[in-house]
N, C-alpha and C. Protein backbone atom coordinates (compact mmCIF):
# COMPACT_ATOMS: atom_id res chain seq x y z
N UNK A 1 0.70 -0.86 -0.45
CA UNK A 1 0.11 0.02 -0.16
C UNK A 1 0.98 1.36 0.29
N UNK A 2 0.57 2.36 -1.30
CA UNK A 2 0.81 2.90 -0.65
C UNK A 2 1.16 4.41 0.55
N UNK A 3 2.67 5.03 0.45
CA UNK A 3 2.18 5.90 2.23
C UNK A 3 0.35 6.75 1.35
N UNK A 4 0.29 7.62 0.41
CA UNK A 4 -1.71 8.40 0.69
C UNK A 4 -1.88 7.71 0.98
N UNK A 5 -1.99 6.78 0.18
CA UNK A 5 -3.53 5.80 0.23
C UNK A 5 -3.84 5.15 1.80
N UNK A 6 -2.78 5.46 2.37
CA UNK A 6 -2.37 4.88 4.22
C UNK A 6 -2.34 5.91 4.76
N UNK A 7 -1.65 7.51 4.44
CA UNK A 7 -2.80 8.35 5.31
C UNK A 7 -4.33 8.62 4.89
N UNK A 8 -4.77 8.38 3.88
CA UNK A 8 -6.28 8.41 3.44
C UNK A 8 -7.07 7.42 3.87
N UNK A 9 -6.63 5.83 4.59
CA UNK A 9 -7.37 5.43 5.30
C UNK A 9 -7.06 5.85 6.77
N UNK A 10 -6.45 5.98 7.27
CA UNK A 10 -5.45 6.47 8.42
C UNK A 10 -7.20 6.83 9.20
N UNK A 11 -6.65 8.38 8.39
CA UNK A 11 -7.28 9.36 8.29
C UNK A 11 -9.16 9.23 8.30
N UNK A 12 -9.84 8.18 7.23
CA UNK A 12 -11.19 7.85 7.14
C UNK A 12 -11.75 6.98 8.69
N UNK A 13 -10.27 6.25 9.28
CA UNK A 13 -10.43 5.56 10.20
C UNK A 13 -10.81 6.28 11.65
N UNK A 14 -9.75 7.05 11.90
CA UNK A 14 -9.68 8.36 12.85
C UNK A 14 -10.83 9.27 13.17
N UNK A 15 -11.54 9.42 11.32
CA UNK A 15 -12.72 9.78 11.45
C UNK A 15 -14.44 9.76 12.21
N UNK A 16 -13.86 7.80 12.51
CA UNK A 16 -15.28 7.08 12.58
C UNK A 16 -14.92 6.50 14.16
N UNK A 17 -13.04 6.03 14.81
CA UNK A 17 -13.45 6.69 15.65
C UNK A 17 -12.30 7.54 16.37
N UNK A 18 -12.21 7.85 16.96
CA UNK A 18 -11.34 9.22 17.87
C UNK A 18 -10.65 8.91 17.82
N UNK A 19 -9.85 7.54 18.56
CA UNK A 19 -8.90 6.90 19.21
C UNK A 19 -8.13 6.21 18.98
N UNK A 20 -6.91 5.32 17.97
CA UNK A 20 -6.59 4.28 17.50
C UNK A 20 -5.16 3.96 17.88
N UNK A 21 -5.01 2.63 18.53
CA UNK A 21 -3.18 2.38 18.64
C UNK A 21 -2.76 2.44 17.31
N UNK A 22 -1.70 2.53 17.59
CA UNK A 22 -0.08 2.69 16.60
C UNK A 22 -0.91 0.91 16.40
N UNK A 23 -0.94 0.08 16.47
CA UNK A 23 -0.50 -1.63 16.34
C UNK A 23 -1.91 -2.19 16.25
N UNK A 24 -2.93 -1.20 16.02
CA UNK A 24 -4.32 -1.60 15.47
C UNK A 24 -3.60 -1.97 13.91
N UNK A 25 -3.35 0.29 13.92
CA UNK A 25 -3.34 0.12 12.10
C UNK A 25 -2.50 -1.20 11.75
N UNK A 26 -0.78 -1.14 12.56
CA UNK A 26 -0.29 -1.98 11.29
C UNK A 26 -1.15 -2.90 11.54
N UNK A 27 -1.90 -4.26 12.51
CA UNK A 27 -1.98 -5.35 11.80
C UNK A 27 -3.27 -4.64 10.97
N UNK A 28 -4.63 -3.29 10.27
CA UNK A 28 -4.99 -3.70 9.87
C UNK A 28 -4.25 -3.20 8.52
N UNK A 29 -3.60 -2.84 8.14
CA UNK A 29 -3.16 -2.89 6.47
C UNK A 29 -1.58 -3.19 6.57
N UNK A 30 -1.18 -3.99 7.58
CA UNK A 30 -0.34 -5.32 7.37
C UNK A 30 0.83 -3.82 7.55
N UNK A 31 1.34 -3.79 8.26
CA UNK A 31 3.00 -2.42 7.84
C UNK A 31 3.62 -2.33 8.68
N UNK A 32 4.73 -2.04 9.23
CA UNK A 32 5.25 -2.16 11.00
C UNK A 32 5.15 -0.93 11.49
N UNK A 33 5.06 -0.80 13.04
CA UNK A 33 4.52 -0.23 13.86
C UNK A 33 5.61 1.21 13.53
N UNK A 34 6.65 0.93 12.97
CA UNK A 34 7.66 2.05 12.81
C UNK A 34 7.49 2.53 11.55
N UNK A 35 6.25 1.56 10.55
CA UNK A 35 6.13 2.23 9.29
C UNK A 35 4.93 3.74 10.29
N UNK A 36 4.05 2.99 10.53
CA UNK A 36 2.40 3.28 11.02
C UNK A 36 3.49 5.00 11.67
N UNK A 37 4.04 4.70 12.74
CA UNK A 37 4.24 5.92 13.17
C UNK A 37 4.64 6.65 12.10
N UNK A 38 5.89 6.64 11.57
CA UNK A 38 6.17 7.64 10.51
C UNK A 38 4.86 8.34 10.17
N UNK A 39 3.92 7.24 9.80
CA UNK A 39 3.23 8.04 8.56
C UNK A 39 2.24 8.97 9.96
N UNK A 40 1.51 8.57 11.53
CA UNK A 40 2.17 9.36 12.29
C UNK A 40 2.02 11.04 12.23
N UNK A 41 3.31 10.57 12.87
CA UNK A 41 4.62 11.37 12.27
C UNK A 41 4.12 12.11 11.77
N UNK A 42 4.09 12.26 10.06
CA UNK A 42 3.55 12.84 8.82
C UNK A 42 2.56 13.39 9.11
N UNK A 43 1.57 12.81 9.51
CA UNK A 43 0.09 13.56 9.05
C UNK A 43 0.34 14.35 10.85
N UNK A 44 0.80 13.80 11.85
CA UNK A 44 1.13 15.92 12.68
C UNK A 44 1.24 16.18 12.48
N UNK A 45 2.57 16.54 11.31
CA UNK A 45 3.64 17.68 10.60
C UNK A 45 2.15 18.28 9.66
N UNK A 46 2.08 17.63 8.90
CA UNK A 46 0.52 18.97 8.48
C UNK A 46 -0.30 18.85 8.78
N UNK A 47 -0.28 18.82 10.15
CA UNK A 47 -1.54 19.39 10.82
C UNK A 47 -3.09 18.87 10.82
N UNK A 48 -3.20 17.72 9.73
CA UNK A 48 -4.55 16.59 9.74
C UNK A 48 -4.73 15.59 11.22
N UNK A 49 -4.09 15.45 12.02
CA UNK A 49 -4.52 14.64 13.77
C UNK A 49 -3.61 15.47 14.48
N UNK A 50 -3.82 15.21 15.74
CA UNK A 50 -3.44 15.22 16.49
C UNK A 50 -2.91 14.09 17.50
N UNK A 51 -1.84 13.77 18.06
CA UNK A 51 -1.45 12.51 19.14
C UNK A 51 -1.22 13.47 20.20
């Protein structure tokens, strides 16, 4: 899955649930936790989410 695609899906999931864990996202997207943490940091840097 491409980074942008993952970012969009993370944001969609956060619209449905206000809190998600990185482990949950890693399992859902079949990605490593470090990848998910990097995605979350990028989204936070873009002011698209708050951790």
